[in-house]
PDB file of N, CA and C in Angstrom:
ATOM      1  N   MET A   1     100.957  96.986 125.936  1.00  0.00           N
ATOM      2  CA  MET A   1     100.567  97.593 125.061  1.00  0.00           C
ATOM      3  C   MET A   1     100.039  96.649 124.365  1.00  0.00           C
ATOM      4  N   LYS A   2      98.570  96.826 123.423  1.00  0.00           N
ATOM      5  CA  LYS A   2      97.508  95.504 123.244  1.00  0.00           C
ATOM      6  C   LYS A   2      97.415  95.642 121.654  1.00  0.00           C
ATOM      7  N   TYR A   3      97.773  94.806 121.317  1.00  0.00           N
ATOM      8  CA  TYR A   3      97.828  94.009 119.822  1.00  0.00           C
ATOM      9  C   TYR A   3      96.859  93.739 119.440  1.00  0.00           C
ATOM     10  N   LEU A   4      96.513  94.002 118.127  1.00  0.00           N
ATOM     11  CA  LEU A   4      94.665  94.306 117.782  1.00  0.00           C
ATOM     12  C   LEU A   4      95.130  92.882 116.097  1.00  0.00           C
ATOM     13  N   GLN A   5      94.146  92.475 115.940  1.00  0.00           N
ATOM     14  CA  GLN A   5      93.922  92.108 114.111  1.00  0.00           C
ATOM     15  C   GLN A   5      93.008  92.694 113.610  1.00  0.00           C
ATOM     16  N   VAL A   6      93.472  93.477 112.533  1.00  0.00           N
ATOM     17  CA  VAL A   6      92.405  94.490 111.781  1.00  0.00           C
ATOM     18  C   VAL A   6      91.868  93.712 110.984  1.00  0.00           C
ATOM     19  N   PHE A   7      90.844  93.921 110.188  1.00  0.00           N
ATOM     20  CA  PHE A   7      89.650  92.802 109.742  1.00  0.00           C
ATOM     21  C   PHE A   7      89.237  94.270 108.421  1.00  0.00           C
ATOM     22  N   ILE A   8      89.617  94.562 107.580  1.00  0.00           N
ATOM     23  CA  ILE A   8      89.257  95.763 106.646  1.00  0.00           C
ATOM     24  C   ILE A   8      88.426  95.098 105.466  1.00  0.00           C
ATOM     25  N   SER A   9      86.957  95.772 105.105  1.00  0.00           N
ATOM     26  CA  SER A   9      86.612  95.449 104.095  1.00  0.00           C
ATOM     27  C   SER A   9      86.694  96.309 102.711  1.00  0.00           C
ATOM     28  N   ALA A  10      86.947  95.705 101.695  1.00  0.00           N
ATOM     29  CA  ALA A  10      86.748  96.458 100.105  1.00  0.00           C
ATOM     30  C   ALA A  10      85.999  96.038  99.200  1.00  0.00           C
ATOM     31  N   GLU A  11      85.587  96.653  98.202  1.00  0.00           N
ATOM     32  CA  GLU A  11      84.395  96.344  97.268  1.00  0.00           C
ATOM     33  C   GLU A  11      85.343  95.581  95.952  1.00  0.00           C
ATOM     34  N   ASN A  12      86.606  95.383  96.031  1.00  0.00           N
ATOM     35  CA  ASN A  12      87.463  94.331  94.833  1.00  0.00           C
ATOM     36  C   ASN A  12      88.529  94.643  95.436  1.00  0.00           C
ATOM     37  N   LYS A  13      89.345  93.587  94.818  1.00  0.00           N
ATOM     38  CA  LYS A  13      91.080  93.576  95.115  1.00  0.00           C
ATOM     39  C   LYS A  13      91.473  94.487  94.953  1.00  0.00           C
ATOM     40  N   GLU A  14      91.320  95.153  93.805  1.00  0.00           N
ATOM     41  CA  GLU A  14      91.743  96.668  93.521  1.00  0.00           C
ATOM     42  C   GLU A  14      92.012  97.589  94.372  1.00  0.00           C
ATOM     43  N   GLN A  15      90.595  97.777  95.114  1.00  0.00           N
ATOM     44  CA  GLN A  15      90.637  99.038  96.339  1.00  0.00           C
ATOM     45  C   GLN A  15      91.210  98.199  97.202  1.00  0.00           C
ATOM     46  N   ALA A  16      91.022  96.746  98.020  1.00  0.00           N
ATOM     47  CA  ALA A  16      91.942  96.576  98.666  1.00  0.00           C
ATOM     48  C   ALA A  16      93.470  96.128  98.828  1.00  0.00           C
ATOM     49  N   ASN A  17      93.722  96.464  97.579  1.00  0.00           N
ATOM     50  CA  ASN A  17      95.111  96.654  97.496  1.00  0.00           C
ATOM     51  C   ASN A  17      95.213  97.983  97.922  1.00  0.00           C
ATOM     52  N   ALA A  18      94.941  99.089  96.871  1.00  0.00           N
ATOM     53  CA  ALA A  18      95.113 100.491  97.334  1.00  0.00           C
ATOM     54  C   ALA A  18      95.057 100.868  99.141  1.00  0.00           C
ATOM     55  N   ILE A  19      94.189 100.199  99.592  1.00  0.00           N
ATOM     56  CA  ILE A  19      93.788 100.326 100.993  1.00  0.00           C
ATOM     57  C   ILE A  19      95.097  99.683 101.784  1.00  0.00           C
ATOM     58  N   LEU A  20      95.618  98.484 101.385  1.00  0.00           N
ATOM     59  CA  LEU A  20      96.604  98.481 102.298  1.00  0.00           C
ATOM     60  C   LEU A  20      97.934  98.842 101.927  1.00  0.00           C
ATOM     61  N   ASP A  21      98.285  99.272 100.608  1.00  0.00           N
ATOM     62  CA  ASP A  21      99.729 100.155 100.266  1.00  0.00           C
ATOM     63  C   ASP A  21      99.244 101.051 100.430  1.00  0.00           C
ATOM     64  N   ALA A  22      98.161 102.139 101.444  1.00  0.00           N
ATOM     65  CA  ALA A  22      98.597 103.258 102.382  1.00  0.00           C
ATOM     66  C   ALA A  22      98.646 103.047 103.667  1.00  0.00           C
ATOM     67  N   LEU A  23      98.339 101.767 104.450  1.00  0.00           N
ATOM     68  CA  LEU A  23      98.555 101.600 105.350  1.00  0.00           C
ATOM     69  C   LEU A  23     100.030 101.197 105.659  1.00  0.00           C
ATOM     70  N   LEU A  24     100.569 100.452 104.494  1.00  0.00           N
ATOM     71  CA  LEU A  24     102.084  99.979 104.728  1.00  0.00           C
ATOM     72  C   LEU A  24     102.572 101.109 104.792  1.00  0.00           C
ATOM     73  N   ALA A  25     102.695 102.064 104.009  1.00  0.00           N
ATOM     74  CA  ALA A  25     103.581 103.183 103.675  1.00  0.00           C
ATOM     75  C   ALA A  25     103.638 103.627 105.130  1.00  0.00           C
ATOM     76  N   LYS A  26     102.910 104.175 105.464  1.00  0.00           N
ATOM     77  CA  LYS A  26     102.505 104.971 107.216  1.00  0.00           C
ATOM     78  C   LYS A  26     103.076 103.860 107.902  1.00  0.00           C
ATOM     79  N   LYS A  27     103.599 102.391 107.576  1.00  0.00           N
ATOM     80  CA  LYS A  27     103.253 101.797 109.302  1.00  0.00           C
ATOM     81  C   LYS A  27     102.786 101.609 109.873  1.00  0.00           C
ATOM     82  N   LEU A  28     101.393 101.773 109.866  1.00  0.00           N
ATOM     83  CA  LEU A  28     100.294 101.456 110.454  1.00  0.00           C
ATOM     84  C   LEU A  28      99.118  99.620 110.822  1.00  0.00           C
ATOM     85  N   VAL A  29     100.116  99.102 109.780  1.00  0.00           N
ATOM     86  CA  VAL A  29      99.677  97.541 109.868  1.00  0.00           C
ATOM     87  C   VAL A  29     101.241  96.829 109.118  1.00  0.00           C
ATOM     88  N   LEU A  30     100.846  95.307 109.965  1.00  0.00           N
ATOM     89  CA  LEU A  30     101.879  94.625 109.734  1.00  0.00           C
ATOM     90  C   LEU A  30     102.096  94.211 107.973  1.00  0.00           C
ATOM     91  N   GLY A  31     101.047  94.142 108.122  1.00  0.00           N
ATOM     92  CA  GLY A  31     100.467  93.718 106.135  1.00  0.00           C
ATOM     93  C   GLY A  31     100.004  92.409 106.733  1.00  0.00           C
ATOM     94  N   GLY A  32      99.475  91.819 105.522  1.00  0.00           N
ATOM     95  CA  GLY A  32      99.082  90.458 105.028  1.00  0.00           C
ATOM     96  C   GLY A  32      97.819  90.002 104.011  1.00  0.00           C
ATOM     97  N   PRO A  33      97.173  88.983 104.439  1.00  0.00           N
ATOM     98  CA  PRO A  33      96.657  88.639 102.918  1.00  0.00           C
ATOM     99  C   PRO A  33      95.376  89.739 102.643  1.00  0.00           C
ATOM    100  N   ILE A  34      95.207  89.466 101.288  1.00  0.00           N
ATOM    101  CA  ILE A  34      93.742  89.986 100.889  1.00  0.00           C
ATOM    102  C   ILE A  34      92.754  88.726 100.184  1.00  0.00           C
ATOM    103  N   LEU A  35      92.024  88.603 101.022  1.00  0.00           N
ATOM    104  CA  LEU A  35      90.825  87.602 101.165  1.00  0.00           C
ATOM    105  C   LEU A  35      90.058  87.827 100.003  1.00  0.00           C
ATOM    106  N   GLU A  36      89.344  86.995  99.083  1.00  0.00           N
ATOM    107  CA  GLU A  36      88.425  87.592  98.071  1.00  0.00           C
ATOM    108  C   GLU A  36      87.019  86.554  98.554  1.00  0.00           C
ATOM    109  N   GLY A  37      86.222  86.694  97.808  1.00  0.00           N
ATOM    110  CA  GLY A  37      85.159  85.826  97.954  1.00  0.00           C
ATOM    111  C   GLY A  37      83.735  86.858  97.882  1.00  0.00           C
ATOM    112  N   PRO A  38      82.496  85.595  97.828  1.00  0.00           N
ATOM    113  CA  PRO A  38      80.822  86.097  97.408  1.00  0.00           C
ATOM    114  C   PRO A  38      80.898  86.800  98.881  1.00  0.00           C
ATOM    115  N   SER A  39      80.205  87.399  99.086  1.00  0.00           N
ATOM    116  CA  SER A  39      79.606  88.470 100.227  1.00  0.00           C
ATOM    117  C   SER A  39      77.940  88.161  99.772  1.00  0.00           C
ATOM    118  N   LYS A  40      77.173  88.362 100.858  1.00  0.00           N
ATOM    119  CA  LYS A  40      76.146  88.894 101.124  1.00  0.00           C
ATOM    120  C   LYS A  40      75.016  89.697 102.482  1.00  0.00           C
ATOM    121  N   PHE A  41      74.987  90.479 102.558  1.00  0.00           N
ATOM    122  CA  PHE A  41      74.540  91.570 103.418  1.00  0.00           C
ATOM    123  C   PHE A  41      73.446  92.620 103.619  1.00  0.00           C
ATOM    124  N   TRP A  42      72.634  92.538 104.365  1.00  0.00           N
ATOM    125  CA  TRP A  42      71.991  93.786 104.303  1.00  0.00           C
ATOM    126  C   TRP A  42      72.358  95.453 104.569  1.00  0.00           C
ATOM    127  N   TRP A  43      72.039  95.963 103.114  1.00  0.00           N
ATOM    128  CA  TRP A  43      72.077  97.460 102.945  1.00  0.00           C
ATOM    129  C   TRP A  43      70.903  98.403 102.351  1.00  0.00           C
ATOM    130  N   LYS A  44      70.903  99.490 103.104  1.00  0.00           N
ATOM    131  CA  LYS A  44      69.652 100.008 102.798  1.00  0.00           C
ATOM    132  C   LYS A  44      68.742  99.469 102.554  1.00  0.00           C
ATOM    133  N   GLY A  45      68.216  98.405 103.868  1.00  0.00           N
ATOM    134  CA  GLY A  45      66.524  97.732 103.368  1.00  0.00           C
ATOM    135  C   GLY A  45      66.422  96.362 102.569  1.00  0.00           C
ATOM    136  N   LYS A  46      67.371  95.936 102.015  1.00  0.00           N
ATOM    137  CA  LYS A  46      67.649  94.655 101.081  1.00  0.00           C
ATOM    138  C   LYS A  46      68.712  93.948 101.534  1.00  0.00           C
ATOM    139  N   ILE A  47      68.900  93.131 101.631  1.00  0.00           N
ATOM    140  CA  ILE A  47      69.773  92.082 101.088  1.00  0.00           C
ATOM    141  C   ILE A  47      70.658  92.492  99.758  1.00  0.00           C
ATOM    142  N   VAL A  48      72.094  92.415  99.767  1.00  0.00           N
ATOM    143  CA  VAL A  48      72.986  92.403  98.474  1.00  0.00           C
ATOM    144  C   VAL A  48      73.347  91.451  98.522  1.00  0.00           C
ATOM    145  N   GLU A  49      73.801  91.150  97.110  1.00  0.00           N
ATOM    146  CA  GLU A  49      74.881  89.498  97.026  1.00  0.00           C
ATOM    147  C   GLU A  49      76.423  90.193  96.369  1.00  0.00           C
ATOM    148  N   MET A  50      77.278  90.382  96.426  1.00  0.00           N
ATOM    149  CA  MET A  50      78.405  90.793  95.501  1.00  0.00           C
ATOM    150  C   MET A  50      79.730  89.882  95.859  1.00  0.00           C
ATOM    151  N   GLY A  51      80.664  90.200  95.080  1.00  0.00           N
ATOM    152  CA  GLY A  51      81.738  89.670  95.295  1.00  0.00           C
ATOM    153  C   GLY A  51      82.495  90.816  96.052  1.00  0.00           C
ATOM    154  N   TYR A  52      83.494  90.599  97.479  1.00  0.00           N
ATOM    155  CA  TYR A  52      84.167  91.241  98.063  1.00  0.00           C
ATOM    156  C   TYR A  52      85.166  90.884  98.520  1.00  0.00           C
ATOM    157  N   ALA A  53      86.392  92.067  98.952  1.00  0.00           N
ATOM    158  CA  ALA A  53      87.521  91.492  99.623  1.00  0.00           C
ATOM    159  C   ALA A  53      88.309  92.028 100.892  1.00  0.00           C
ATOM    160  N   TYR A  54      88.549  91.634 101.402  1.00  0.00           N
ATOM    161  CA  TYR A  54      89.102  91.888 103.009  1.00  0.00           C
ATOM    162  C   TYR A  54      90.667  91.593 103.116  1.00  0.00           C
ATOM    163  N   ILE A  55      91.007  92.554 103.820  1.00  0.00           N
ATOM    164  CA  ILE A  55      92.663  92.472 104.399  1.00  0.00           C
ATOM    165  C   ILE A  55      92.286  92.168 105.920  1.00  0.00           C
ATOM    166  N   LEU A  56      93.046  91.671 105.266  1.00  0.00           N
ATOM    167  CA  LEU A  56      93.427  90.898 107.137  1.00  0.00           C
ATOM    168  C   LEU A  56      95.121  91.055 107.833  1.00  0.00           C
ATOM    169  N   SER A  57      95.269  92.058 108.608  1.00  0.00           N
ATOM    170  CA  SER A  57      96.528  92.274 109.275  1.00  0.00           C
ATOM    171  C   SER A  57      96.915  92.382 110.831  1.00  0.00           C
ATOM    172  N   TYR A  58      97.978  92.932 111.273  1.00  0.00           N
ATOM    173  CA  TYR A  58      97.593  92.962 112.545  1.00  0.00           C
ATOM    174  C   TYR A  58      98.462  94.239 112.914  1.00  0.00           C
ATOM    175  N   THR A  59      98.461  94.555 113.967  1.00  0.00           N
ATOM    176  CA  THR A  59      98.329  96.656 114.053  1.00  0.00           C
ATOM    177  C   THR A  59      98.591  96.006 115.955  1.00  0.00           C
ATOM    178  N   THR A  60      98.806  97.477 116.526  1.00  0.00           N
ATOM    179  CA  THR A  60      98.295  97.859 117.847  1.00  0.00           C
ATOM    180  C   THR A  60      97.701  98.837 117.938  1.00  0.00           C
ATOM    181  N   ASP A  61      97.001  98.920 119.293  1.00  0.00           N
ATOM    182  CA  ASP A  61      96.217  99.981 119.819  1.00  0.00           C
ATOM    183  C   ASP A  61      96.321 101.574 119.380  1.00  0.00           C
ATOM    184  N   LYS A  62      97.902 101.367 119.406  1.00  0.00           N
ATOM    185  CA  LYS A  62      98.446 103.045 119.286  1.00  0.00           C
ATOM    186  C   LYS A  62      98.071 103.609 118.094  1.00  0.00           C
ATOM    187  N   TYR A  63      98.008 102.045 116.546  1.00  0.00           N
ATOM    188  CA  TYR A  63      97.598 103.057 115.930  1.00  0.00           C
ATOM    189  C   TYR A  63      96.233 103.175 115.195  1.00  0.00           C
ATOM    190  N   LYS A  64      94.917 102.824 115.695  1.00  0.00           N
ATOM    191  CA  LYS A  64      93.963 102.378 115.474  1.00  0.00           C
ATOM    192  C   LYS A  64      92.897 103.431 114.833  1.00  0.00           C
ATOM    193  N   ASP A  65      92.894 104.802 115.495  1.00  0.00           N
ATOM    194  CA  ASP A  65      92.627 106.016 114.856  1.00  0.00           C
ATOM    195  C   ASP A  65      93.113 106.480 113.931  1.00  0.00           C
ATOM    196  N   GLN A  66      94.361 106.352 113.751  1.00  0.00           N
ATOM    197  CA  GLN A  66      94.784 106.665 112.338  1.00  0.00           C
ATOM    198  C   GLN A  66      94.577 105.767 110.935  1.00  0.00           C
ATOM    199  N   ILE A  67      94.404 104.081 111.312  1.00  0.00           N
ATOM    200  CA  ILE A  67      94.409 103.202 110.608  1.00  0.00           C
ATOM    201  C   ILE A  67      92.539 103.384 109.990  1.00  0.00           C
ATOM    202  N   ILE A  68      91.534 104.116 110.659  1.00  0.00           N
ATOM    203  CA  ILE A  68      90.505 103.980 110.600  1.00  0.00           C
ATOM    204  C   ILE A  68      90.540 105.952 109.557  1.00  0.00           C
ATOM    205  N   GLU A  69      91.136 106.764 110.007  1.00  0.00           N
ATOM    206  CA  GLU A  69      90.890 107.370 109.088  1.00  0.00           C
ATOM    207  C   GLU A  69      91.576 107.639 107.953  1.00  0.00           C
ATOM    208  N   GLU A  70      92.714 107.116 107.468  1.00  0.00           N
ATOM    209  CA  GLU A  70      93.467 106.747 106.576  1.00  0.00           C
ATOM    210  C   GLU A  70      92.083 105.460 105.532  1.00  0.00           C
ATOM    211  N   VAL A  71      91.976 104.329 106.328  1.00  0.00           N
ATOM    212  CA  VAL A  71      91.059 103.794 105.351  1.00  0.00           C
ATOM    213  C   VAL A  71      89.554 104.656 104.969  1.00  0.00           C
ATOM    214  N   LYS A  72      89.229 105.558 105.484  1.00  0.00           N
ATOM    215  CA  LYS A  72      88.189 106.140 104.997  1.00  0.00           C
ATOM    216  C   LYS A  72      88.507 107.478 103.811  1.00  0.00           C
ATOM    217  N   LYS A  73      90.111 107.760 103.773  1.00  0.00           N
ATOM    218  CA  LYS A  73      90.453 108.433 102.942  1.00  0.00           C
ATOM    219  C   LYS A  73      90.896 107.742 101.541  1.00  0.00           C
ATOM    220  N   VAL A  74      91.149 106.516 101.612  1.00  0.00           N
ATOM    221  CA  VAL A  74      91.407 105.139 100.423  1.00  0.00           C
ATOM    222  C   VAL A  74      89.876 104.973  99.748  1.00  0.00           C
ATOM    223  N   SER A  75      89.245 104.652 101.105  1.00  0.00           N
ATOM    224  CA  SER A  75      88.158 103.429 100.780  1.00  0.00           C
ATOM    225  C   SER A  75      86.811 104.379  99.921  1.00  0.00           C
ATOM    226  N   VAL A  76      86.617 103.173  98.334  1.00  0.00           N
ATOM    227  CA  VAL A  76      85.497 104.428  97.957  1.00  0.00           C
ATOM    228  C   VAL A  76      83.590 103.803  98.560  1.00  0.00           C
ATOM    229  N   GLU A  77      84.336 103.222  99.622  1.00  0.00           N
ATOM    230  CA  GLU A  77      82.592 102.347  99.766  1.00  0.00           C
ATOM    231  C   GLU A  77      81.833 103.888 100.947  1.00  0.00           C
ATOM    232  N   GLU A  78      80.779 103.689 100.840  1.00  0.00           N
ATOM    233  CA  GLU A  78      79.955 104.725 101.733  1.00  0.00           C
ATOM    234  C   GLU A  78      80.187 104.528 103.586  1.00  0.00           C
ATOM    235  N   VAL A  79      80.525 103.285 103.590  1.00  0.00           N
ATOM    236  CA  VAL A  79      80.589 102.551 104.788  1.00  0.00           C
ATOM    237  C   VAL A  79      81.520 101.703 104.923  1.00  0.00           C
ATOM    238  N   PRO A  80      82.953 102.318 105.255  1.00  0.00           N
ATOM    239  CA  PRO A  80      84.042 101.221 105.005  1.00  0.00           C
ATOM    240  C   PRO A  80      84.066 100.217 106.379  1.00  0.00           C
ATOM    241  N   MET A  81      83.901  98.993 106.174  1.00  0.00           N
ATOM    242  CA  MET A  81      83.782  98.136 107.676  1.00  0.00           C
ATOM    243  C   MET A  81      85.130  97.747 108.329  1.00  0.00           C
ATOM    244  N   ILE A  82      85.427  98.182 109.542  1.00  0.00           N
ATOM    245  CA  ILE A  82      86.390  98.046 109.663  1.00  0.00           C
ATOM    246  C   ILE A  82      86.768  97.358 111.268  1.00  0.00           C
ATOM    247  N   SER A  83      87.238  96.511 111.129  1.00  0.00           N
ATOM    248  CA  SER A  83      87.168  95.675 112.813  1.00  0.00           C
ATOM    249  C   SER A  83      88.623  95.497 113.290  1.00  0.00           C
ATOM    250  N   PHE A  84      88.843  95.817 114.758  1.00  0.00           N
ATOM    251  CA  PHE A  84      89.697  95.443 115.684  1.00  0.00           C
ATOM    252  C   PHE A  84      89.289  94.158 116.590  1.00  0.00           C
ATOM    253  N   ILE A  85      90.484  93.532 116.686  1.00  0.00           N
ATOM    254  CA  ILE A  85      90.064  92.313 117.689  1.00  0.00           C
ATOM    255  C   ILE A  85      91.136  92.262 118.267  1.00  0.00           C
ATOM    256  N   PRO A  86      91.090  92.301 120.173  1.00  0.00           N
ATOM    257  CA  PRO A  86      92.206  91.750 120.343  1.00  0.00           C
ATOM    258  C   PRO A  86      92.665  90.906 120.425  1.00  0.00           C
ATOM    259  N   PHE A  87      94.450  90.285 120.796  1.00  0.00           N
ATOM    260  CA  PHE A  87      94.502  89.616 120.808  1.00  0.00           C
ATOM    261  C   PHE A  87      95.811  89.007 121.194  1.00  0.00           C
ATOM    262  N   GLU A  88      96.186  87.860 121.556  1.00  0.00           N
ATOM    263  CA  GLU A  88      97.830  87.226 122.136  1.00  0.00           C
ATOM    264  C   GLU A  88      98.336  86.658 121.661  1.00  0.00           C
ATOM    265  N   GLY A  89      99.563  87.666 120.831  1.00  0.00           N
ATOM    266  CA  GLY A  89     100.307  86.306 120.157  1.00  0.00           C
ATOM    267  C   GLY A  89     101.340  85.524 120.348  1.00  0.00           C
ATOM    268  N   ASN A  90     102.044  85.084 119.822  1.00  0.00           N
ATOM    269  CA  ASN A  90     103.214  84.172 120.158  1.00  0.00           C
ATOM    270  C   ASN A  90     104.106  85.188 120.212  1.00  0.00           C
ATOM    271  N   ALA A  91     105.310  85.136 121.087  1.00  0.00           N
ATOM    272  CA  ALA A  91     106.208  86.031 121.450  1.00  0.00           C
ATOM    273  C   ALA A  91     106.888  86.412 120.004  1.00  0.00           C
ATOM    274  N   GLU A  92     106.815  85.771 118.852  1.00  0.00           N
ATOM    275  CA  GLU A  92     107.554  86.359 117.504  1.00  0.00           C
ATOM    276  C   GLU A  92     106.829  87.056 116.458  1.00  0.00           C
ATOM    277  N   LEU A  93     105.484  86.603 116.799  1.00  0.00           N
ATOM    278  CA  LEU A  93     104.782  87.467 115.696  1.00  0.00           C
ATOM    279  C   LEU A  93     104.932  88.677 116.807  1.00  0.00           C
ATOM    280  N   THR A  94     104.577  89.075 117.912  1.00  0.00           N
ATOM    281  CA  THR A  94     104.673  89.948 118.349  1.00  0.00           C
ATOM    282  C   THR A  94     105.729  90.829 118.529  1.00  0.00           C
ATOM    283  N   LYS A  95     106.892  90.665 118.394  1.00  0.00           N
ATOM    284  CA  LYS A  95     108.125  91.201 118.497  1.00  0.00           C
ATOM    285  C   LYS A  95     107.969  91.537 116.839  1.00  0.00           C
ATOM    286  N   LEU A  96     107.742  91.035 115.594  1.00  0.00           N
ATOM    287  CA  LEU A  96     107.953  91.289 114.293  1.00  0.00           C
ATOM    288  C   LEU A  96     106.769  92.866 114.532  1.00  0.00           C
ATOM    289  N   ILE A  97     105.582  92.572 114.993  1.00  0.00           N
ATOM    290  CA  ILE A  97     104.989  93.883 115.426  1.00  0.00           C
ATOM    291  C   ILE A  97     105.492  94.975 115.156  1.00  0.00           C
ATOM    292  N   ASP A  98     105.843  94.280 116.459  1.00  0.00           N
ATOM    293  CA  ASP A  98     106.687  95.722 117.385  1.00  0.00           C
ATOM    294  C   ASP A  98     107.752  96.299 116.270  1.00  0.00           C
ATOM    295  N   ASP A  99     108.833  95.303 116.121  1.00  0.00           N
ATOM    296  CA  ASP A  99     110.234  95.899 115.327  1.00  0.00           C
ATOM    297  C   ASP A  99     109.584  96.668 114.115  1.00  0.00           C
ATOM    298  N   THR A 100     108.817  95.859 113.429  1.00  0.00           N
ATOM    299  CA  THR A 100     108.393  96.481 111.819  1.00  0.00           C
ATOM    300  C   THR A 100     107.427  98.081 111.973  1.00  0.00           C
ATOM    301  N   LEU A 101     106.611  97.966 113.136  1.00  0.00           N
ATOM    302  CA  LEU A 101     105.847  99.507 113.649  1.00  0.00           C
ATOM    303  C   LEU A 101     106.225 100.498 113.925  1.00  0.00           C
ATOM    304  N   GLY A 102     107.944 100.063 114.623  1.00  0.00           N
ATOM    305  CA  GLY A 102     108.983 100.982 115.416  1.00  0.00           C
ATOM    306  C   GLY A 102     107.808 101.071 116.830  1.00  0.00           C
ATOM    307  N   ASN A 103     106.965  99.815 117.273  1.00  0.00           N
ATOM    308  CA  ASN A 103     106.983 100.428 118.778  1.00  0.00           C
ATOM    309  C   ASN A 103     107.695 100.052 119.948  1.00  0.00           C
TER     310      ASN A 103
END
């Protein structure tokens, strides 16, 4: 089984909470912090600056497609940014992921 760190963008904390609540309700992610801060990125040919929120969580490759679909349903962003980064965790973390998500 592959373990993944998940990084999901949101336009604000309220949207991030809605996305995280939806993913937690379906037991697709372990849960985690919502990080907020200034952001700067290319959007439609120009650089945009705005506050942004990000969800940082953990899951397994088994749930990757379901997470993408759920985020697309809940997010109001035209392009929701979802990253999956494979990682090796300590035994306690991977057991917590397995026990929580039913792997």
